[in-house]
N, C-alpha and C. Protein backbone atom coordinates (compact mmCIF):
# COMPACT_ATOMS: atom_id res chain seq x y z
N MET A 1 152.15 45.47 56.71
CA MET A 1 150.87 45.41 56.17
C MET A 1 149.88 44.87 57.11
N PRO A 2 148.72 45.55 57.34
CA PRO A 2 147.81 45.00 58.28
C PRO A 2 147.08 43.74 57.54
N PRO A 3 146.55 42.95 58.44
CA PRO A 3 145.87 41.69 57.92
C PRO A 3 144.56 42.11 57.19
N LYS A 4 144.25 41.34 56.19
CA LYS A 4 143.09 41.73 55.34
C LYS A 4 141.83 41.43 56.11
N ALA A 5 140.90 42.39 56.12
CA ALA A 5 139.60 42.22 56.74
C ALA A 5 138.72 41.24 56.06
N PRO A 6 138.00 40.39 56.72
CA PRO A 6 137.02 39.45 56.09
C PRO A 6 135.97 40.23 55.37
N PRO A 7 135.48 39.66 54.21
CA PRO A 7 134.40 40.40 53.45
C PRO A 7 133.11 40.53 54.28
N ALA A 8 132.37 41.50 53.85
CA ALA A 8 131.10 41.81 54.68
C ALA A 8 129.92 40.98 54.08
N HIS A 9 130.28 40.05 53.18
CA HIS A 9 129.26 39.21 52.45
C HIS A 9 129.66 37.81 52.67
N PRO A 10 128.74 36.81 52.52
CA PRO A 10 129.03 35.39 52.48
C PRO A 10 129.85 35.01 51.29
N THR A 11 130.17 33.70 51.19
CA THR A 11 130.98 33.26 50.01
C THR A 11 129.95 33.33 48.79
N TYR A 12 130.69 33.28 47.60
CA TYR A 12 129.88 33.44 46.37
C TYR A 12 129.03 32.21 46.16
N GLU A 13 129.51 31.06 46.65
CA GLU A 13 128.63 29.80 46.48
C GLU A 13 127.45 29.97 47.20
N VAL A 14 127.45 30.47 48.52
CA VAL A 14 126.26 30.61 49.35
C VAL A 14 125.28 31.74 48.70
N MET A 15 125.88 32.74 48.14
CA MET A 15 125.07 33.84 47.55
C MET A 15 124.37 33.39 46.31
N VAL A 16 125.16 32.65 45.48
CA VAL A 16 124.57 32.10 44.23
C VAL A 16 123.47 31.19 44.46
N LYS A 17 123.69 30.26 45.47
CA LYS A 17 122.63 29.26 45.76
C LYS A 17 121.38 30.02 46.28
N ALA A 18 121.51 31.09 47.17
CA ALA A 18 120.44 31.82 47.60
C ALA A 18 119.70 32.58 46.51
N ALA A 19 120.43 33.07 45.50
CA ALA A 19 119.82 33.72 44.38
C ALA A 19 118.97 32.74 43.43
N ILE A 20 119.53 31.59 43.22
CA ILE A 20 118.81 30.71 42.45
C ILE A 20 117.59 30.13 43.09
N VAL A 21 117.69 29.91 44.42
CA VAL A 21 116.48 29.46 45.12
C VAL A 21 115.42 30.44 45.23
N SER A 22 115.77 31.60 45.48
CA SER A 22 114.78 32.74 45.65
C SER A 22 114.17 33.13 44.31
N LEU A 23 114.92 33.11 43.18
CA LEU A 23 114.39 33.49 41.93
C LEU A 23 113.34 32.40 41.42
N LYS A 24 113.43 31.28 41.77
CA LYS A 24 112.50 30.20 41.45
C LYS A 24 112.21 30.17 39.92
N GLU A 25 113.16 30.26 39.09
CA GLU A 25 112.87 30.08 37.64
C GLU A 25 113.02 28.74 37.28
N ARG A 26 112.05 28.21 36.51
CA ARG A 26 111.94 26.85 36.11
C ARG A 26 113.09 26.24 35.32
N SER A 27 113.50 27.12 34.27
CA SER A 27 114.57 26.75 33.44
C SER A 27 115.94 27.16 33.98
N GLY A 28 116.13 27.61 35.16
CA GLY A 28 117.30 28.03 35.73
C GLY A 28 117.41 29.59 35.69
N SER A 29 118.46 30.10 36.41
CA SER A 29 118.67 31.51 36.44
C SER A 29 119.82 31.99 35.71
N SER A 30 119.67 33.03 34.91
CA SER A 30 120.83 33.46 34.14
C SER A 30 121.81 34.18 34.97
N THR A 31 123.01 34.41 34.48
CA THR A 31 124.05 35.07 35.24
C THR A 31 123.66 36.58 35.48
N GLN A 32 123.02 37.14 34.58
CA GLN A 32 122.52 38.52 34.75
C GLN A 32 121.49 38.61 35.85
N ALA A 33 120.56 37.67 35.92
CA ALA A 33 119.60 37.66 36.94
C ALA A 33 120.22 37.39 38.31
N ILE A 34 121.16 36.51 38.38
CA ILE A 34 121.86 36.25 39.66
C ILE A 34 122.59 37.53 40.07
N ALA A 35 123.31 38.26 39.12
CA ALA A 35 124.04 39.48 39.45
C ALA A 35 123.08 40.52 39.95
N LYS A 36 121.89 40.70 39.37
CA LYS A 36 120.97 41.64 39.81
C LYS A 36 120.46 41.37 41.19
N TYR A 37 120.22 40.02 41.48
CA TYR A 37 119.75 39.72 42.82
C TYR A 37 120.85 39.98 43.85
N LEU A 38 122.11 39.72 43.55
CA LEU A 38 123.24 39.96 44.44
C LEU A 38 123.44 41.38 44.64
N ALA A 39 123.34 42.26 43.69
CA ALA A 39 123.52 43.66 43.77
C ALA A 39 122.43 44.32 44.77
N ALA A 40 121.16 43.70 44.70
CA ALA A 40 120.13 44.26 45.48
C ALA A 40 120.17 43.76 46.91
N THR A 41 120.74 42.63 47.13
CA THR A 41 120.74 41.94 48.43
C THR A 41 122.00 42.20 49.27
N TYR A 42 123.17 42.09 48.68
CA TYR A 42 124.34 42.18 49.45
C TYR A 42 125.21 43.51 49.07
N LYS A 43 126.05 43.88 50.02
CA LYS A 43 127.01 45.00 49.74
C LYS A 43 128.31 44.28 49.21
N LEU A 44 128.54 44.46 48.01
CA LEU A 44 129.70 43.83 47.34
C LEU A 44 130.83 44.79 46.98
N PRO A 45 132.06 44.36 46.87
CA PRO A 45 133.16 45.32 46.55
C PRO A 45 133.22 45.53 45.01
N ASP A 46 134.02 46.49 44.63
CA ASP A 46 134.30 46.75 43.25
C ASP A 46 134.75 45.50 42.54
N GLY A 47 134.33 45.34 41.24
CA GLY A 47 134.85 44.23 40.43
C GLY A 47 134.25 42.94 40.81
N TRP A 48 133.11 42.87 41.52
CA TRP A 48 132.50 41.63 41.94
C TRP A 48 131.85 40.87 40.82
N LYS A 49 131.42 41.62 39.82
CA LYS A 49 130.81 40.82 38.58
C LYS A 49 131.78 39.90 37.90
N LYS A 50 133.10 40.33 37.82
CA LYS A 50 134.11 39.42 37.21
C LYS A 50 134.37 38.25 38.10
N VAL A 51 134.31 38.45 39.44
CA VAL A 51 134.57 37.41 40.40
C VAL A 51 133.39 36.42 40.34
N LEU A 52 132.18 36.97 40.25
CA LEU A 52 130.93 36.23 40.11
C LEU A 52 131.04 35.30 38.91
N ALA A 53 131.38 35.79 37.79
CA ALA A 53 131.50 35.08 36.58
C ALA A 53 132.41 33.97 36.58
N THR A 54 133.64 34.13 37.23
CA THR A 54 134.62 33.11 37.42
C THR A 54 134.13 32.01 38.45
N GLN A 55 133.49 32.48 39.45
CA GLN A 55 133.00 31.55 40.53
C GLN A 55 131.80 30.67 39.91
N VAL A 56 131.00 31.23 39.10
CA VAL A 56 129.92 30.50 38.52
C VAL A 56 130.44 29.46 37.54
N LYS A 57 131.47 29.78 36.75
CA LYS A 57 132.10 28.88 35.90
C LYS A 57 132.81 27.79 36.64
N LYS A 58 133.44 27.99 37.72
CA LYS A 58 134.03 26.99 38.56
C LYS A 58 132.92 26.02 39.13
N MET A 59 131.92 26.64 39.60
CA MET A 59 130.85 25.83 40.18
C MET A 59 130.19 24.94 39.10
N ALA A 60 130.02 25.42 37.93
CA ALA A 60 129.54 24.66 36.83
C ALA A 60 130.47 23.52 36.48
N ALA A 61 131.80 23.77 36.49
CA ALA A 61 132.75 22.72 36.10
C ALA A 61 132.84 21.66 37.23
N SER A 62 132.56 22.02 38.42
CA SER A 62 132.64 21.01 39.57
C SER A 62 131.20 20.40 39.75
N GLU A 63 130.33 20.71 38.94
CA GLU A 63 128.86 20.14 38.92
C GLU A 63 128.16 20.51 40.19
N ARG A 64 128.46 21.57 40.73
CA ARG A 64 127.69 22.20 41.87
C ARG A 64 126.56 22.96 41.19
N LEU A 65 126.70 23.45 40.04
CA LEU A 65 125.68 24.07 39.22
C LEU A 65 125.54 23.36 37.92
N LEU A 66 124.42 23.22 37.41
CA LEU A 66 124.19 22.63 36.11
C LEU A 66 123.88 23.66 35.08
N LYS A 67 124.56 23.67 33.97
CA LYS A 67 124.28 24.77 32.98
C LYS A 67 123.23 24.33 31.96
N VAL A 68 122.12 25.02 31.86
CA VAL A 68 121.11 24.74 30.89
C VAL A 68 120.92 25.90 30.01
N LYS A 69 121.38 25.63 28.71
CA LYS A 69 121.42 26.72 27.66
C LYS A 69 122.29 27.89 28.33
N ASN A 70 121.67 29.04 28.65
CA ASN A 70 122.41 30.11 29.22
C ASN A 70 122.13 30.40 30.65
N SER A 71 121.59 29.44 31.28
CA SER A 71 121.23 29.57 32.58
C SER A 71 121.84 28.56 33.50
N PHE A 72 121.59 28.70 34.80
CA PHE A 72 122.23 27.69 35.78
C PHE A 72 121.07 27.16 36.83
N LYS A 73 121.19 25.90 37.04
CA LYS A 73 120.33 25.35 38.14
C LYS A 73 121.22 24.73 39.15
N LEU A 74 120.67 24.47 40.34
CA LEU A 74 121.47 23.91 41.35
C LEU A 74 121.86 22.43 41.05
N GLY A 75 123.03 22.07 41.31
CA GLY A 75 123.46 20.66 41.16
C GLY A 75 123.08 19.81 42.34
N GLU A 76 123.30 18.59 42.21
CA GLU A 76 123.03 17.70 43.38
C GLU A 76 123.76 18.02 44.73
N ALA A 77 125.01 18.52 44.61
CA ALA A 77 125.79 18.93 45.79
C ALA A 77 125.15 20.03 46.58
N LEU A 78 124.58 21.00 45.81
CA LEU A 78 124.03 22.17 46.41
C LEU A 78 122.56 21.92 46.86
N LYS A 79 121.96 21.06 46.21
CA LYS A 79 120.50 20.68 46.53
C LYS A 79 120.35 20.23 47.96
N LYS A 80 121.40 19.36 48.28
CA LYS A 80 121.43 18.73 49.57
C LYS A 80 121.81 19.77 50.56
N ALA A 81 120.88 20.14 51.51
CA ALA A 81 121.25 21.12 52.46
C ALA A 81 122.07 20.54 53.60
N PRO A 82 123.01 21.24 54.02
CA PRO A 82 123.89 20.61 55.15
C PRO A 82 122.95 20.32 56.39
N LYS A 83 123.24 19.12 56.95
CA LYS A 83 122.39 18.71 58.07
C LYS A 83 122.85 19.51 59.31
N LYS A 84 121.81 19.85 60.10
CA LYS A 84 122.13 20.58 61.26
C LYS A 84 122.60 19.65 62.36
N VAL A 85 123.58 20.02 63.03
CA VAL A 85 124.12 19.18 64.07
C VAL A 85 123.31 19.39 65.40
N VAL A 86 122.73 18.22 65.78
CA VAL A 86 121.92 18.21 66.99
C VAL A 86 122.65 17.79 68.19
N LYS A 87 122.82 18.63 69.20
CA LYS A 87 123.60 18.11 70.40
C LYS A 87 122.70 17.24 71.20
N LYS A 88 123.25 16.05 71.50
CA LYS A 88 122.47 15.14 72.39
C LYS A 88 122.76 15.38 73.83
N LYS A 89 121.79 15.20 74.64
CA LYS A 89 122.04 15.39 76.01
C LYS A 89 122.80 14.18 76.49
N ALA A 90 123.79 14.41 77.43
CA ALA A 90 124.62 13.41 77.91
C ALA A 90 123.77 12.44 78.71
N LYS A 91 123.90 11.16 78.45
CA LYS A 91 123.02 10.21 79.08
C LYS A 91 123.84 9.82 80.39
N VAL A 92 123.08 9.59 81.46
CA VAL A 92 123.69 9.13 82.70
C VAL A 92 123.92 7.68 82.63
N VAL A 93 125.08 7.16 82.71
CA VAL A 93 125.29 5.75 82.48
C VAL A 93 125.37 5.10 83.91
N LYS A 94 124.54 4.18 84.13
CA LYS A 94 124.56 3.44 85.45
C LYS A 94 125.51 2.27 85.36
N LYS A 95 126.36 2.18 86.27
CA LYS A 95 127.39 1.03 86.21
C LYS A 95 126.66 -0.10 86.87
N LYS A 96 126.68 -1.20 86.27
CA LYS A 96 126.21 -2.48 86.88
C LYS A 96 127.19 -3.09 87.73
N VAL A 97 126.86 -3.59 88.90
CA VAL A 97 127.67 -4.27 89.75
C VAL A 97 127.83 -5.71 89.26
N VAL A 98 129.06 -6.03 88.98
CA VAL A 98 129.36 -7.42 88.47
C VAL A 98 129.83 -8.23 89.63
N LYS A 99 129.14 -9.32 89.90
CA LYS A 99 129.47 -10.19 90.91
C LYS A 99 130.59 -11.15 90.41
N LYS A 100 131.65 -11.37 91.18
CA LYS A 100 132.71 -12.14 90.78
C LYS A 100 132.29 -13.57 91.00
N LYS A 101 132.55 -14.42 90.00
CA LYS A 101 132.20 -15.88 90.07
C LYS A 101 133.36 -16.58 90.73
N ALA A 102 133.13 -17.61 91.49
CA ALA A 102 134.13 -18.32 92.09
C ALA A 102 134.87 -19.15 90.89
N LYS A 103 136.15 -19.25 91.08
CA LYS A 103 136.90 -19.96 90.03
C LYS A 103 136.48 -21.37 90.04
N ALA A 104 136.30 -21.99 88.90
CA ALA A 104 135.99 -23.41 88.83
C ALA A 104 137.37 -24.17 89.18
N SER A 105 137.65 -25.18 88.45
CA SER A 105 138.76 -25.97 88.65
C SER A 105 139.91 -25.27 87.91
N PRO A 106 141.09 -25.49 88.31
CA PRO A 106 142.22 -24.80 87.66
C PRO A 106 142.64 -25.45 86.34
N ARG A 107 141.80 -26.29 85.73
CA ARG A 107 142.09 -26.85 84.46
C ARG A 107 142.14 -25.81 83.29
N THR A 108 142.89 -26.15 82.32
CA THR A 108 142.85 -25.23 81.18
C THR A 108 141.67 -25.65 80.32
N PRO A 109 141.07 -24.69 79.58
CA PRO A 109 139.85 -24.96 78.79
C PRO A 109 140.30 -25.90 77.66
N ALA A 110 139.28 -26.67 77.17
CA ALA A 110 139.52 -27.69 76.11
C ALA A 110 139.72 -26.90 74.84
N LEU A 111 140.74 -27.20 74.05
CA LEU A 111 140.96 -26.63 72.74
C LEU A 111 140.15 -27.32 71.72
N PRO A 112 139.74 -26.53 70.71
CA PRO A 112 138.93 -27.12 69.64
C PRO A 112 139.88 -28.19 68.89
N PRO A 113 139.20 -29.18 68.36
CA PRO A 113 139.98 -30.25 67.67
C PRO A 113 140.66 -29.70 66.38
N LYS A 114 141.84 -30.15 66.26
CA LYS A 114 142.59 -29.77 65.11
C LYS A 114 142.05 -30.38 63.75
N THR A 115 142.01 -29.56 62.77
CA THR A 115 141.55 -30.04 61.47
C THR A 115 142.68 -30.22 60.52
N LEU A 116 142.57 -31.10 59.59
CA LEU A 116 143.61 -31.38 58.65
C LEU A 116 143.60 -30.30 57.57
N ASP A 117 144.84 -29.77 57.34
CA ASP A 117 145.06 -28.83 56.29
C ASP A 117 145.55 -29.45 55.12
N ARG A 118 144.63 -29.84 54.22
CA ARG A 118 145.00 -30.60 52.94
C ARG A 118 145.75 -29.91 51.91
N SER A 119 146.06 -28.70 52.18
CA SER A 119 146.76 -27.89 51.22
C SER A 119 148.31 -28.02 51.23
N ILE A 120 148.86 -28.58 52.30
CA ILE A 120 150.22 -28.75 52.46
C ILE A 120 150.71 -30.19 52.40
N PRO A 121 151.13 -30.69 51.27
CA PRO A 121 151.57 -32.04 51.22
C PRO A 121 153.08 -32.09 51.55
N ILE A 122 153.58 -33.32 52.00
CA ILE A 122 154.91 -33.53 52.33
C ILE A 122 155.38 -34.71 51.61
N TYR A 123 156.52 -34.65 50.95
CA TYR A 123 156.96 -35.71 50.11
C TYR A 123 157.72 -36.82 50.97
N ALA A 124 157.28 -37.98 50.99
CA ALA A 124 157.83 -39.02 51.78
C ALA A 124 158.73 -39.92 50.97
N LYS A 125 159.42 -40.90 51.68
CA LYS A 125 160.43 -41.81 51.09
C LYS A 125 159.73 -42.63 49.93
N HIS A 126 158.58 -43.05 50.10
CA HIS A 126 158.02 -43.97 49.07
C HIS A 126 157.33 -43.14 47.96
N LYS A 127 157.74 -42.02 47.80
CA LYS A 127 157.25 -41.02 46.77
C LYS A 127 155.71 -40.93 46.63
N LYS A 128 155.06 -40.79 47.90
CA LYS A 128 153.75 -40.55 48.01
C LYS A 128 153.45 -39.27 48.80
N TYR A 129 152.55 -38.52 48.61
CA TYR A 129 152.31 -37.44 49.40
C TYR A 129 151.55 -37.82 50.66
N ILE A 130 152.09 -37.38 51.75
CA ILE A 130 151.52 -37.56 53.06
C ILE A 130 151.05 -36.33 53.59
N LEU A 131 149.77 -36.29 54.10
CA LEU A 131 149.29 -35.11 54.66
C LEU A 131 149.66 -35.03 56.21
N ILE A 132 149.90 -33.84 56.62
CA ILE A 132 150.27 -33.73 58.08
C ILE A 132 149.27 -32.83 58.77
N ASN A 133 149.16 -32.95 60.03
CA ASN A 133 148.44 -32.11 60.90
C ASN A 133 149.24 -30.91 61.26
N ILE A 134 148.65 -29.76 61.14
CA ILE A 134 149.36 -28.52 61.54
C ILE A 134 148.55 -27.89 62.70
């Protein structure tokens, strides 16, 4: 079997969004109005109305479309347009010449003073808790 050819139209989500945006109905666009717009705009295969109905139901269930009475409006996910990716020009990074400093004395650096950890008591012979330095 030869591989299936890609459809000559965009995805139903893209087509439905375009239909709702172009129809500009205040209370939302009905399924019939969306179907009429798609039939006039795109070349669709046989049985596309059944596929449209199921896709609109899925989009309404996933809140990409909001159902108002018998019409549909764009949900928050579809209202946000995908951001265009802007390619930035590669910046020329100039390397700074770092001068090596002469080593000071070979002493080790001073360590910060130890603090008492009062959460670990040790039981001593005279039955008192003695705190130790850790």
